[in-house]
């Protein structure tokens, strides 16, 4: 049974982890304002994630946790992460940060639907209503009749691919989480991401300056710190409890967007965000009452 202290500590780690991910996305967006190709940003993101997670495991004396038990299963997950990371970079280049977060919060609803199709999980009518309400929130937030000034349709399309890859990866994690450690999941995904991005760099790579190097290092460090904080949180409480704080990213993202990029959310974004958060929290709370999610939540 959870103690009050361990549960509160886990919540703090969860919020810290999600905030680190927001800062990582902000660093990706900063890197995207340069001339670096998308694949070069992805290559360094994967490289530094793998290095920092490996260092974390070695310092803890758990280097064995990086070794996959069933490599084929992890490779499938890694390829999904490669697709997610690549299209995250594209989406952040074409969308305001706040709108990006509103759109990616379609993921809990997509996960619920995929779980029903592939894992035969129960999808009761209340969840269906929550999913419909969440998608209505997405339509409101995007405000398609006035969307021209808020980002390009390439950004919207990239965000949809992100949601598809991320949601499928979460469902697949429910299958492989019984045999694999979170560290090995992240390490192998980082290596696959670095390899995919490096393949593009063999054809063309843009030289780095000190500022870009600093942004890329910080980007990977922040992503790795986010993963580590989530790992710690999941050791002290359930994944369903941690997932309820995923929505702090929208608040942190709005603050980062305003302070770093001078982006202000529109009233349609705010109205849509309310619907999406309400729908996602309802799904998370229902899952928590029924026993929770898998033991992995990863970027």
C-alpha atoms as a PDB file:
ATOM      1  CA  UNK A   1       0.000   0.000   0.000  1.00  0.00           C
ATOM      2  CA  UNK A   2       1.235   3.480  -0.811  1.00  0.00           C
ATOM      3  CA  UNK A   3       2.231   5.739   2.016  1.00  0.00           C
ATOM      4  CA  UNK A   4       1.290   9.414   1.985  1.00  0.00           C
ATOM      5  CA  UNK A   5       4.932  10.443   1.719  1.00  0.00           C
ATOM      6  CA  UNK A   6       5.791   8.057  -1.132  1.00  0.00           C
ATOM      7  CA  UNK A   7       2.653   8.987  -3.043  1.00  0.00           C
ATOM      8  CA  UNK A   8       3.288  12.727  -2.697  1.00  0.00           C
ATOM      9  CA  UNK A   9       6.906  12.188  -3.678  1.00  0.00           C
ATOM     10  CA  UNK A  10       5.829  10.200  -6.724  1.00  0.00           C
ATOM     11  CA  UNK A  11       3.453  12.980  -7.770  1.00  0.00           C
ATOM     12  CA  UNK A  12       6.281  15.516  -7.476  1.00  0.00           C
ATOM     13  CA  UNK A  13       8.527  13.335  -9.638  1.00  0.00           C
ATOM     14  CA  UNK A  14       5.712  12.874 -12.171  1.00  0.00           C
ATOM     15  CA  UNK A  15       5.094  16.623 -12.450  1.00  0.00           C
ATOM     16  CA  UNK A  16       8.857  17.216 -12.711  1.00  0.00           C
ATOM     17  CA  UNK A  17       9.126  14.586 -15.432  1.00  0.00           C
ATOM     18  CA  UNK A  18       6.327  16.055 -17.522  1.00  0.00           C
ATOM     19  CA  UNK A  19       7.802  19.538 -17.059  1.00  0.00           C
ATOM     20  CA  UNK A  20      11.219  18.349 -18.243  1.00  0.00           C
ATOM     21  CA  UNK A  21       9.531  16.982 -21.361  1.00  0.00           C
ATOM     22  CA  UNK A  22       7.929  20.377 -22.001  1.00  0.00           C
ATOM     23  CA  UNK A  23      11.327  22.037 -21.724  1.00  0.00           C
ATOM     24  CA  UNK A  24      12.753  19.381 -24.056  1.00  0.00           C
ATOM     25  CA  UNK A  25      10.049  20.179 -26.624  1.00  0.00           C
ATOM     26  CA  UNK A  26      10.890  23.869 -26.235  1.00  0.00           C
ATOM     27  CA  UNK A  27      14.538  23.050 -26.974  1.00  0.00           C
ATOM     28  CA  UNK A  28      13.450  21.042 -30.032  1.00  0.00           C
ATOM     29  CA  UNK A  29      11.437  24.030 -31.228  1.00  0.00           C
ATOM     30  CA  UNK A  30      14.464  26.307 -30.720  1.00  0.00           C
ATOM     31  CA  UNK A  31      16.638  23.896 -32.697  1.00  0.00           C
ATOM     32  CA  UNK A  32      13.933  23.822 -35.362  1.00  0.00           C
ATOM     33  CA  UNK A  33      14.321  27.560 -35.868  1.00  0.00           C
ATOM     34  CA  UNK A  34      17.797  26.908 -37.260  1.00  0.00           C
ATOM     35  CA  UNK A  35      18.767  25.459 -40.620  1.00  0.00           C
ATOM     36  CA  UNK A  36      19.281  21.982 -39.151  1.00  0.00           C
ATOM     37  CA  UNK A  37      17.387  19.278 -41.077  1.00  0.00           C
ATOM     38  CA  UNK A  38      14.738  17.386 -39.113  1.00  0.00           C
ATOM     39  CA  UNK A  39      16.742  14.149 -39.224  1.00  0.00           C
ATOM     40  CA  UNK A  40      19.823  15.858 -37.766  1.00  0.00           C
ATOM     41  CA  UNK A  41      17.834  17.117 -34.781  1.00  0.00           C
ATOM     42  CA  UNK A  42      16.373  13.622 -34.340  1.00  0.00           C
ATOM     43  CA  UNK A  43      19.842  12.042 -34.538  1.00  0.00           C
ATOM     44  CA  UNK A  44      21.199  14.137 -31.691  1.00  0.00           C
ATOM     45  CA  UNK A  45      18.003  13.731 -29.655  1.00  0.00           C
ATOM     46  CA  UNK A  46      18.329   9.931 -29.811  1.00  0.00           C
ATOM     47  CA  UNK A  47      22.077   9.997 -29.199  1.00  0.00           C
ATOM     48  CA  UNK A  48      21.912  12.128 -26.066  1.00  0.00           C
ATOM     49  CA  UNK A  49      18.873  10.275 -24.684  1.00  0.00           C
ATOM     50  CA  UNK A  50      20.754   6.975 -25.013  1.00  0.00           C
ATOM     51  CA  UNK A  51      23.938   8.425 -23.465  1.00  0.00           C
ATOM     52  CA  UNK A  52      22.216  10.027 -20.489  1.00  0.00           C
ATOM     53  CA  UNK A  53      19.991   7.002 -19.744  1.00  0.00           C
ATOM     54  CA  UNK A  54      23.036   4.716 -20.000  1.00  0.00           C
ATOM     55  CA  UNK A  55      24.944   6.975 -17.600  1.00  0.00           C
ATOM     56  CA  UNK A  56      21.991   6.909 -15.183  1.00  0.00           C
ATOM     57  CA  UNK A  57      21.902   3.101 -15.227  1.00  0.00           C
ATOM     58  CA  UNK A  58      25.683   2.772 -14.795  1.00  0.00           C
ATOM     59  CA  UNK A  59      25.800   5.236 -11.877  1.00  0.00           C
ATOM     60  CA  UNK A  60      23.050   3.241 -10.161  1.00  0.00           C
ATOM     61  CA  UNK A  61      24.978   0.035 -10.741  1.00  0.00           C
ATOM     62  CA  UNK A  62      22.208  -1.319 -12.961  1.00  0.00           C
ATOM     63  CA  UNK A  63      23.863  -1.426 -16.363  1.00  0.00           C
ATOM     64  CA  UNK A  64      22.210  -4.815 -16.902  1.00  0.00           C
ATOM     65  CA  UNK A  65      18.855  -2.985 -17.062  1.00  0.00           C
ATOM     66  CA  UNK A  66      19.850  -1.633 -20.479  1.00  0.00           C
ATOM     67  CA  UNK A  67      19.972  -5.127 -21.982  1.00  0.00           C
ATOM     68  CA  UNK A  68      16.704  -6.168 -23.667  1.00  0.00           C
ATOM     69  CA  UNK A  69      15.310  -9.604 -22.908  1.00  0.00           C
ATOM     70  CA  UNK A  70      13.341  -9.884 -26.153  1.00  0.00           C
ATOM     71  CA  UNK A  71      15.049  -7.572 -28.672  1.00  0.00           C
ATOM     72  CA  UNK A  72      12.494  -8.108 -31.433  1.00  0.00           C
ATOM     73  CA  UNK A  73       9.679  -6.709 -29.318  1.00  0.00           C
ATOM     74  CA  UNK A  74      11.755  -3.693 -28.326  1.00  0.00           C
ATOM     75  CA  UNK A  75      12.664  -3.054 -31.952  1.00  0.00           C
ATOM     76  CA  UNK A  76       8.980  -2.658 -32.825  1.00  0.00           C
ATOM     77  CA  UNK A  77       8.580  -0.165 -29.985  1.00  0.00           C
ATOM     78  CA  UNK A  78      11.781   1.615 -31.024  1.00  0.00           C
ATOM     79  CA  UNK A  79      10.560   2.073 -34.602  1.00  0.00           C
ATOM     80  CA  UNK A  80       7.340   3.606 -33.309  1.00  0.00           C
ATOM     81  CA  UNK A  81       9.416   5.999 -31.194  1.00  0.00           C
ATOM     82  CA  UNK A  82      11.535   6.906 -34.231  1.00  0.00           C
ATOM     83  CA  UNK A  83       8.379   7.868 -36.119  1.00  0.00           C
ATOM     84  CA  UNK A  84       7.055   9.787 -33.136  1.00  0.00           C
ATOM     85  CA  UNK A  85      10.299  11.719 -32.593  1.00  0.00           C
ATOM     86  CA  UNK A  86      10.680  12.597 -36.257  1.00  0.00           C
ATOM     87  CA  UNK A  87       7.162  13.961 -36.564  1.00  0.00           C
ATOM     88  CA  UNK A  88       7.391  15.771 -33.224  1.00  0.00           C
ATOM     89  CA  UNK A  89      10.267  17.782 -34.714  1.00  0.00           C
ATOM     90  CA  UNK A  90       8.212  18.509 -37.842  1.00  0.00           C
ATOM     91  CA  UNK A  91       5.095  19.447 -35.852  1.00  0.00           C
ATOM     92  CA  UNK A  92       7.004  21.802 -33.560  1.00  0.00           C
ATOM     93  CA  UNK A  93       8.454  23.556 -36.594  1.00  0.00           C
ATOM     94  CA  UNK A  94       4.974  24.309 -37.947  1.00  0.00           C
ATOM     95  CA  UNK A  95       2.730  24.756 -34.888  1.00  0.00           C
ATOM     96  CA  UNK A  96       2.619  27.010 -31.831  1.00  0.00           C
ATOM     97  CA  UNK A  97       3.778  25.127 -28.735  1.00  0.00           C
ATOM     98  CA  UNK A  98       0.433  25.476 -26.927  1.00  0.00           C
ATOM     99  CA  UNK A  99      -1.547  24.149 -29.896  1.00  0.00           C
ATOM    100  CA  UNK A 100       0.919  21.276 -30.233  1.00  0.00           C
ATOM    101  CA  UNK A 101       0.160  20.164 -26.674  1.00  0.00           C
ATOM    102  CA  UNK A 102      -3.572  20.489 -27.138  1.00  0.00           C
ATOM    103  CA  UNK A 103      -3.403  18.217 -30.183  1.00  0.00           C
ATOM    104  CA  UNK A 104      -1.164  15.540 -28.665  1.00  0.00           C
ATOM    105  CA  UNK A 105      -3.616  15.159 -25.798  1.00  0.00           C
ATOM    106  CA  UNK A 106      -5.734  13.170 -28.211  1.00  0.00           C
ATOM    107  CA  UNK A 107      -3.448  10.290 -27.208  1.00  0.00           C
ATOM    108  CA  UNK A 108      -5.415   8.999 -24.172  1.00  0.00           C
ATOM    109  CA  UNK A 109      -8.530   8.770 -26.329  1.00  0.00           C
ATOM    110  CA  UNK A 110      -6.701   6.977 -29.145  1.00  0.00           C
ATOM    111  CA  UNK A 111      -5.092   4.608 -26.625  1.00  0.00           C
ATOM    112  CA  UNK A 112      -8.548   3.752 -25.264  1.00  0.00           C
ATOM    113  CA  UNK A 113      -9.794   2.916 -28.768  1.00  0.00           C
ATOM    114  CA  UNK A 114      -6.693   0.889 -29.708  1.00  0.00           C
ATOM    115  CA  UNK A 115      -6.921  -0.997 -26.432  1.00  0.00           C
ATOM    116  CA  UNK A 116     -10.468  -1.991 -27.310  1.00  0.00           C
ATOM    117  CA  UNK A 117      -9.485  -3.199 -30.797  1.00  0.00           C
ATOM    118  CA  UNK A 118      -6.187  -4.979 -30.092  1.00  0.00           C
ATOM    119  CA  UNK A 119      -6.293  -5.877 -26.389  1.00  0.00           C
ATOM    120  CA  UNK A 120     -10.051  -6.481 -26.144  1.00  0.00           C
ATOM    121  CA  UNK A 121     -10.299  -4.002 -23.280  1.00  0.00           C
ATOM    122  CA  UNK A 122     -13.754  -2.920 -22.299  1.00  0.00           C
ATOM    123  CA  UNK A 123     -14.919   0.373 -23.820  1.00  0.00           C
ATOM    124  CA  UNK A 124     -18.076   1.399 -21.980  1.00  0.00           C
ATOM    125  CA  UNK A 125     -20.478   4.036 -23.240  1.00  0.00           C
ATOM    126  CA  UNK A 126     -19.184   6.654 -20.776  1.00  0.00           C
ATOM    127  CA  UNK A 127     -15.696   6.317 -22.253  1.00  0.00           C
ATOM    128  CA  UNK A 128     -17.143   6.592 -25.758  1.00  0.00           C
ATOM    129  CA  UNK A 129     -18.829   9.859 -24.760  1.00  0.00           C
ATOM    130  CA  UNK A 130     -15.539  11.108 -23.289  1.00  0.00           C
ATOM    131  CA  UNK A 131     -13.718  10.242 -26.529  1.00  0.00           C
ATOM    132  CA  UNK A 132     -16.309  12.085 -28.618  1.00  0.00           C
ATOM    133  CA  UNK A 133     -16.103  15.104 -26.299  1.00  0.00           C
ATOM    134  CA  UNK A 134     -12.314  15.064 -26.544  1.00  0.00           C
ATOM    135  CA  UNK A 135     -12.337  15.067 -30.329  1.00  0.00           C
ATOM    136  CA  UNK A 136     -14.862  17.903 -30.247  1.00  0.00           C
ATOM    137  CA  UNK A 137     -12.344  19.774 -28.106  1.00  0.00           C
ATOM    138  CA  UNK A 138      -9.657  19.181 -30.719  1.00  0.00           C
ATOM    139  CA  UNK A 139     -11.884  20.616 -33.468  1.00  0.00           C
ATOM    140  CA  UNK A 140     -12.648  23.668 -31.331  1.00  0.00           C
ATOM    141  CA  UNK A 141      -8.968  24.197 -30.451  1.00  0.00           C
ATOM    142  CA  UNK A 142      -7.837  23.953 -34.069  1.00  0.00           C
ATOM    143  CA  UNK A 143     -10.700  26.265 -35.149  1.00  0.00           C
ATOM    144  CA  UNK A 144     -10.466  25.081 -38.788  1.00  0.00           C
ATOM    145  CA  UNK A 145     -12.308  28.118 -40.153  1.00  0.00           C
ATOM    146  CA  UNK A 146      -9.599  30.444 -38.823  1.00  0.00           C
ATOM    147  CA  UNK A 147      -6.626  28.077 -38.639  1.00  0.00           C
ATOM    148  CA  UNK A 148      -4.472  29.747 -41.262  1.00  0.00           C
ATOM    149  CA  UNK A 149      -2.662  31.997 -38.808  1.00  0.00           C
ATOM    150  CA  UNK A 150      -1.994  29.310 -36.191  1.00  0.00           C
ATOM    151  CA  UNK A 151       0.210  26.921 -38.109  1.00  0.00           C
ATOM    152  CA  UNK A 152       0.383  25.033 -41.364  1.00  0.00           C
ATOM    153  CA  UNK A 153      -1.549  21.911 -42.251  1.00  0.00           C
ATOM    154  CA  UNK A 154       1.798  20.096 -42.440  1.00  0.00           C
ATOM    155  CA  UNK A 155       2.066  20.693 -38.702  1.00  0.00           C
ATOM    156  CA  UNK A 156      -1.423  19.325 -38.072  1.00  0.00           C
ATOM    157  CA  UNK A 157      -0.691  16.236 -40.178  1.00  0.00           C
ATOM    158  CA  UNK A 158       2.625  15.665 -38.375  1.00  0.00           C
ATOM    159  CA  UNK A 159       0.854  15.951 -35.029  1.00  0.00           C
ATOM    160  CA  UNK A 160      -1.665  13.295 -36.060  1.00  0.00           C
ATOM    161  CA  UNK A 161       1.192  10.944 -36.965  1.00  0.00           C
ATOM    162  CA  UNK A 162       2.789  11.673 -33.561  1.00  0.00           C
ATOM    163  CA  UNK A 163      -0.452  10.738 -31.808  1.00  0.00           C
ATOM    164  CA  UNK A 164      -0.783   7.543 -33.866  1.00  0.00           C
ATOM    165  CA  UNK A 165       2.817   6.434 -33.196  1.00  0.00           C
ATOM    166  CA  UNK A 166       2.772   7.392 -29.508  1.00  0.00           C
ATOM    167  CA  UNK A 167      -0.597   5.759 -28.827  1.00  0.00           C
ATOM    168  CA  UNK A 168       0.373   2.546 -30.610  1.00  0.00           C
ATOM    169  CA  UNK A 169       3.650   2.488 -28.665  1.00  0.00           C
ATOM    170  CA  UNK A 170       1.747   2.809 -25.375  1.00  0.00           C
ATOM    171  CA  UNK A 171      -0.562  -0.076 -26.288  1.00  0.00           C
ATOM    172  CA  UNK A 172       2.430  -2.172 -27.357  1.00  0.00           C
ATOM    173  CA  UNK A 173       4.131  -1.323 -24.041  1.00  0.00           C
ATOM    174  CA  UNK A 174       1.240  -3.052 -22.290  1.00  0.00           C
ATOM    175  CA  UNK A 175       2.334  -6.232 -24.041  1.00  0.00           C
ATOM    176  CA  UNK A 176       6.101  -5.999 -23.480  1.00  0.00           C
ATOM    177  CA  UNK A 177       6.170  -4.367 -20.022  1.00  0.00           C
ATOM    178  CA  UNK A 178       5.988  -7.786 -18.369  1.00  0.00           C
ATOM    179  CA  UNK A 179       9.491  -8.700 -19.549  1.00  0.00           C
ATOM    180  CA  UNK A 180      11.323  -5.422 -20.257  1.00  0.00           C
ATOM    181  CA  UNK A 181      12.718  -2.699 -18.000  1.00  0.00           C
ATOM    182  CA  UNK A 182      11.889   0.993 -18.617  1.00  0.00           C
ATOM    183  CA  UNK A 183      15.616   1.735 -18.971  1.00  0.00           C
ATOM    184  CA  UNK A 184      16.038  -0.793 -21.778  1.00  0.00           C
ATOM    185  CA  UNK A 185      12.928   0.535 -23.540  1.00  0.00           C
ATOM    186  CA  UNK A 186      14.282   4.078 -23.540  1.00  0.00           C
ATOM    187  CA  UNK A 187      17.899   3.101 -24.290  1.00  0.00           C
ATOM    188  CA  UNK A 188      17.018   0.970 -27.331  1.00  0.00           C
ATOM    189  CA  UNK A 189      14.591   3.616 -28.601  1.00  0.00           C
ATOM    190  CA  UNK A 190      17.292   6.254 -28.231  1.00  0.00           C
ATOM    191  CA  UNK A 191      19.782   4.151 -30.203  1.00  0.00           C
ATOM    192  CA  UNK A 192      17.215   3.482 -32.948  1.00  0.00           C
ATOM    193  CA  UNK A 193      16.335   7.183 -33.137  1.00  0.00           C
ATOM    194  CA  UNK A 194      20.008   8.154 -33.330  1.00  0.00           C
ATOM    195  CA  UNK A 195      20.634   5.553 -36.048  1.00  0.00           C
ATOM    196  CA  UNK A 196      17.673   6.692 -38.157  1.00  0.00           C
ATOM    197  CA  UNK A 197      18.666  10.341 -37.912  1.00  0.00           C
ATOM    198  CA  UNK A 198      22.315   9.581 -38.621  1.00  0.00           C
ATOM    199  CA  UNK A 199      21.344   7.782 -41.820  1.00  0.00           C
ATOM    200  CA  UNK A 200      19.972  11.064 -43.119  1.00  0.00           C
ATOM    201  CA  UNK A 201      23.115  12.897 -42.006  1.00  0.00           C
ATOM    202  CA  UNK A 202      25.219  10.636 -44.242  1.00  0.00           C
ATOM    203  CA  UNK A 203      23.580  12.339 -47.223  1.00  0.00           C
ATOM    204  CA  UNK A 204      23.616  15.872 -45.861  1.00  0.00           C
ATOM    205  CA  UNK A 205      24.532  17.375 -42.502  1.00  0.00           C
ATOM    206  CA  UNK A 206      24.517  21.034 -41.484  1.00  0.00           C
ATOM    207  CA  UNK A 207      27.581  22.166 -39.474  1.00  0.00           C
ATOM    208  CA  UNK A 208      26.929  22.948 -35.808  1.00  0.00           C
ATOM    209  CA  UNK A 209      27.887  26.088 -33.939  1.00  0.00           C
ATOM    210  CA  UNK A 210      28.380  26.290 -30.130  1.00  0.00           C
ATOM    211  CA  UNK A 211      24.837  27.596 -29.554  1.00  0.00           C
ATOM    212  CA  UNK A 212      23.252  24.725 -31.478  1.00  0.00           C
ATOM    213  CA  UNK A 213      25.452  22.164 -29.737  1.00  0.00           C
ATOM    214  CA  UNK A 214      24.328  23.534 -26.365  1.00  0.00           C
ATOM    215  CA  UNK A 215      20.653  23.404 -27.398  1.00  0.00           C
ATOM    216  CA  UNK A 216      20.994  19.810 -28.645  1.00  0.00           C
ATOM    217  CA  UNK A 217      22.793  18.613 -25.499  1.00  0.00           C
ATOM    218  CA  UNK A 218      20.215  20.290 -23.250  1.00  0.00           C
ATOM    219  CA  UNK A 219      17.419  18.817 -25.394  1.00  0.00           C
ATOM    220  CA  UNK A 220      18.659  15.256 -24.859  1.00  0.00           C
ATOM    221  CA  UNK A 221      19.403  15.840 -21.169  1.00  0.00           C
ATOM    222  CA  UNK A 222      15.920  17.220 -20.507  1.00  0.00           C
ATOM    223  CA  UNK A 223      14.259  14.299 -22.278  1.00  0.00           C
ATOM    224  CA  UNK A 224      16.366  11.786 -20.331  1.00  0.00           C
ATOM    225  CA  UNK A 225      15.620  13.576 -17.039  1.00  0.00           C
ATOM    226  CA  UNK A 226      11.922  13.451 -17.870  1.00  0.00           C
ATOM    227  CA  UNK A 227      12.112   9.696 -18.439  1.00  0.00           C
ATOM    228  CA  UNK A 228      14.085   9.137 -15.229  1.00  0.00           C
ATOM    229  CA  UNK A 229      11.620  11.168 -13.146  1.00  0.00           C
ATOM    230  CA  UNK A 230       8.733   9.170 -14.581  1.00  0.00           C
ATOM    231  CA  UNK A 231      10.589   5.916 -13.800  1.00  0.00           C
ATOM    232  CA  UNK A 232      10.997   7.013 -10.169  1.00  0.00           C
ATOM    233  CA  UNK A 233       7.350   8.070  -9.935  1.00  0.00           C
ATOM    234  CA  UNK A 234       6.185   4.701 -11.255  1.00  0.00           C
ATOM    235  CA  UNK A 235       8.166   2.902  -8.557  1.00  0.00           C
ATOM    236  CA  UNK A 236       6.122   4.606  -5.840  1.00  0.00           C
ATOM    237  CA  UNK A 237       2.634   4.783  -7.306  1.00  0.00           C
ATOM    238  CA  UNK A 238       0.515   3.373 -10.119  1.00  0.00           C
ATOM    239  CA  UNK A 239       0.788   4.365 -13.761  1.00  0.00           C
ATOM    240  CA  UNK A 240      -2.855   5.491 -13.647  1.00  0.00           C
ATOM    241  CA  UNK A 241      -2.002   7.985 -10.883  1.00  0.00           C
ATOM    242  CA  UNK A 242       1.006   9.283 -12.820  1.00  0.00           C
ATOM    243  CA  UNK A 243      -1.006   9.625 -16.034  1.00  0.00           C
ATOM    244  CA  UNK A 244      -3.456  11.996 -14.345  1.00  0.00           C
ATOM    245  CA  UNK A 245      -0.655  14.577 -14.102  1.00  0.00           C
ATOM    246  CA  UNK A 246       0.201  14.331 -17.797  1.00  0.00           C
ATOM    247  CA  UNK A 247      -2.070  17.325 -18.337  1.00  0.00           C
ATOM    248  CA  UNK A 248       0.265  19.595 -16.381  1.00  0.00           C
ATOM    249  CA  UNK A 249       2.184  19.685 -19.675  1.00  0.00           C
ATOM    250  CA  UNK A 250      -0.509  21.895 -21.162  1.00  0.00           C
ATOM    251  CA  UNK A 251      -0.051  24.482 -18.400  1.00  0.00           C
ATOM    252  CA  UNK A 252       3.746  24.241 -18.491  1.00  0.00           C
ATOM    253  CA  UNK A 253       3.661  24.339 -22.293  1.00  0.00           C
ATOM    254  CA  UNK A 254       1.514  27.470 -22.326  1.00  0.00           C
ATOM    255  CA  UNK A 255       3.907  29.177 -19.887  1.00  0.00           C
ATOM    256  CA  UNK A 256       6.982  28.117 -21.893  1.00  0.00           C
ATOM    257  CA  UNK A 257       5.318  29.227 -25.135  1.00  0.00           C
ATOM    258  CA  UNK A 258       4.613  32.666 -23.690  1.00  0.00           C
ATOM    259  CA  UNK A 259       8.017  33.187 -22.018  1.00  0.00           C
ATOM    260  CA  UNK A 260      10.249  31.721 -24.736  1.00  0.00           C
ATOM    261  CA  UNK A 261       8.302  32.220 -27.973  1.00  0.00           C
ATOM    262  CA  UNK A 262       5.841  34.995 -27.038  1.00  0.00           C
ATOM    263  CA  UNK A 263       2.908  32.777 -28.094  1.00  0.00           C
ATOM    264  CA  UNK A 264      -0.491  33.507 -26.601  1.00  0.00           C
ATOM    265  CA  UNK A 265      -3.333  30.910 -26.641  1.00  0.00           C
ATOM    266  CA  UNK A 266      -6.557  31.913 -28.370  1.00  0.00           C
ATOM    267  CA  UNK A 267      -9.966  31.573 -26.747  1.00  0.00           C
ATOM    268  CA  UNK A 268     -10.661  28.606 -29.037  1.00  0.00           C
ATOM    269  CA  UNK A 269      -7.491  26.865 -27.835  1.00  0.00           C
ATOM    270  CA  UNK A 270      -8.508  27.419 -24.216  1.00  0.00           C
ATOM    271  CA  UNK A 271     -12.064  26.184 -24.768  1.00  0.00           C
ATOM    272  CA  UNK A 272     -10.851  23.113 -26.655  1.00  0.00           C
ATOM    273  CA  UNK A 273      -8.217  22.412 -23.997  1.00  0.00           C
ATOM    274  CA  UNK A 274     -10.889  22.345 -21.289  1.00  0.00           C
ATOM    275  CA  UNK A 275     -12.868  19.681 -23.182  1.00  0.00           C
ATOM    276  CA  UNK A 276      -9.774  17.604 -23.984  1.00  0.00           C
ATOM    277  CA  UNK A 277      -8.459  17.702 -20.409  1.00  0.00           C
ATOM    278  CA  UNK A 278     -11.880  16.852 -18.974  1.00  0.00           C
ATOM    279  CA  UNK A 279     -12.251  13.885 -21.349  1.00  0.00           C
ATOM    280  CA  UNK A 280      -8.707  12.621 -20.775  1.00  0.00           C
ATOM    281  CA  UNK A 281      -8.916  12.944 -16.998  1.00  0.00           C
ATOM    282  CA  UNK A 282     -12.231  11.084 -17.002  1.00  0.00           C
ATOM    283  CA  UNK A 283     -10.637   8.205 -18.929  1.00  0.00           C
ATOM    284  CA  UNK A 284      -7.606   8.193 -16.600  1.00  0.00           C
ATOM    285  CA  UNK A 285      -9.767   8.228 -13.452  1.00  0.00           C
ATOM    286  CA  UNK A 286     -11.969   5.412 -14.757  1.00  0.00           C
ATOM    287  CA  UNK A 287      -8.870   3.350 -15.535  1.00  0.00           C
ATOM    288  CA  UNK A 288      -7.458   4.140 -12.092  1.00  0.00           C
ATOM    289  CA  UNK A 289     -10.652   2.893 -10.443  1.00  0.00           C
ATOM    290  CA  UNK A 290     -10.497  -0.295 -12.541  1.00  0.00           C
ATOM    291  CA  UNK A 291      -6.852  -1.068 -11.794  1.00  0.00           C
ATOM    292  CA  UNK A 292      -4.771   1.304 -13.916  1.00  0.00           C
ATOM    293  CA  UNK A 293      -2.529   1.455 -16.952  1.00  0.00           C
ATOM    294  CA  UNK A 294       0.677  -0.335 -17.801  1.00  0.00           C
ATOM    295  CA  UNK A 295       3.811   0.416 -15.826  1.00  0.00           C
ATOM    296  CA  UNK A 296       5.365   2.568 -18.492  1.00  0.00           C
ATOM    297  CA  UNK A 297       4.646   6.080 -19.609  1.00  0.00           C
ATOM    298  CA  UNK A 298       7.322   7.368 -21.925  1.00  0.00           C
ATOM    299  CA  UNK A 299       7.808  10.243 -24.216  1.00  0.00           C
END
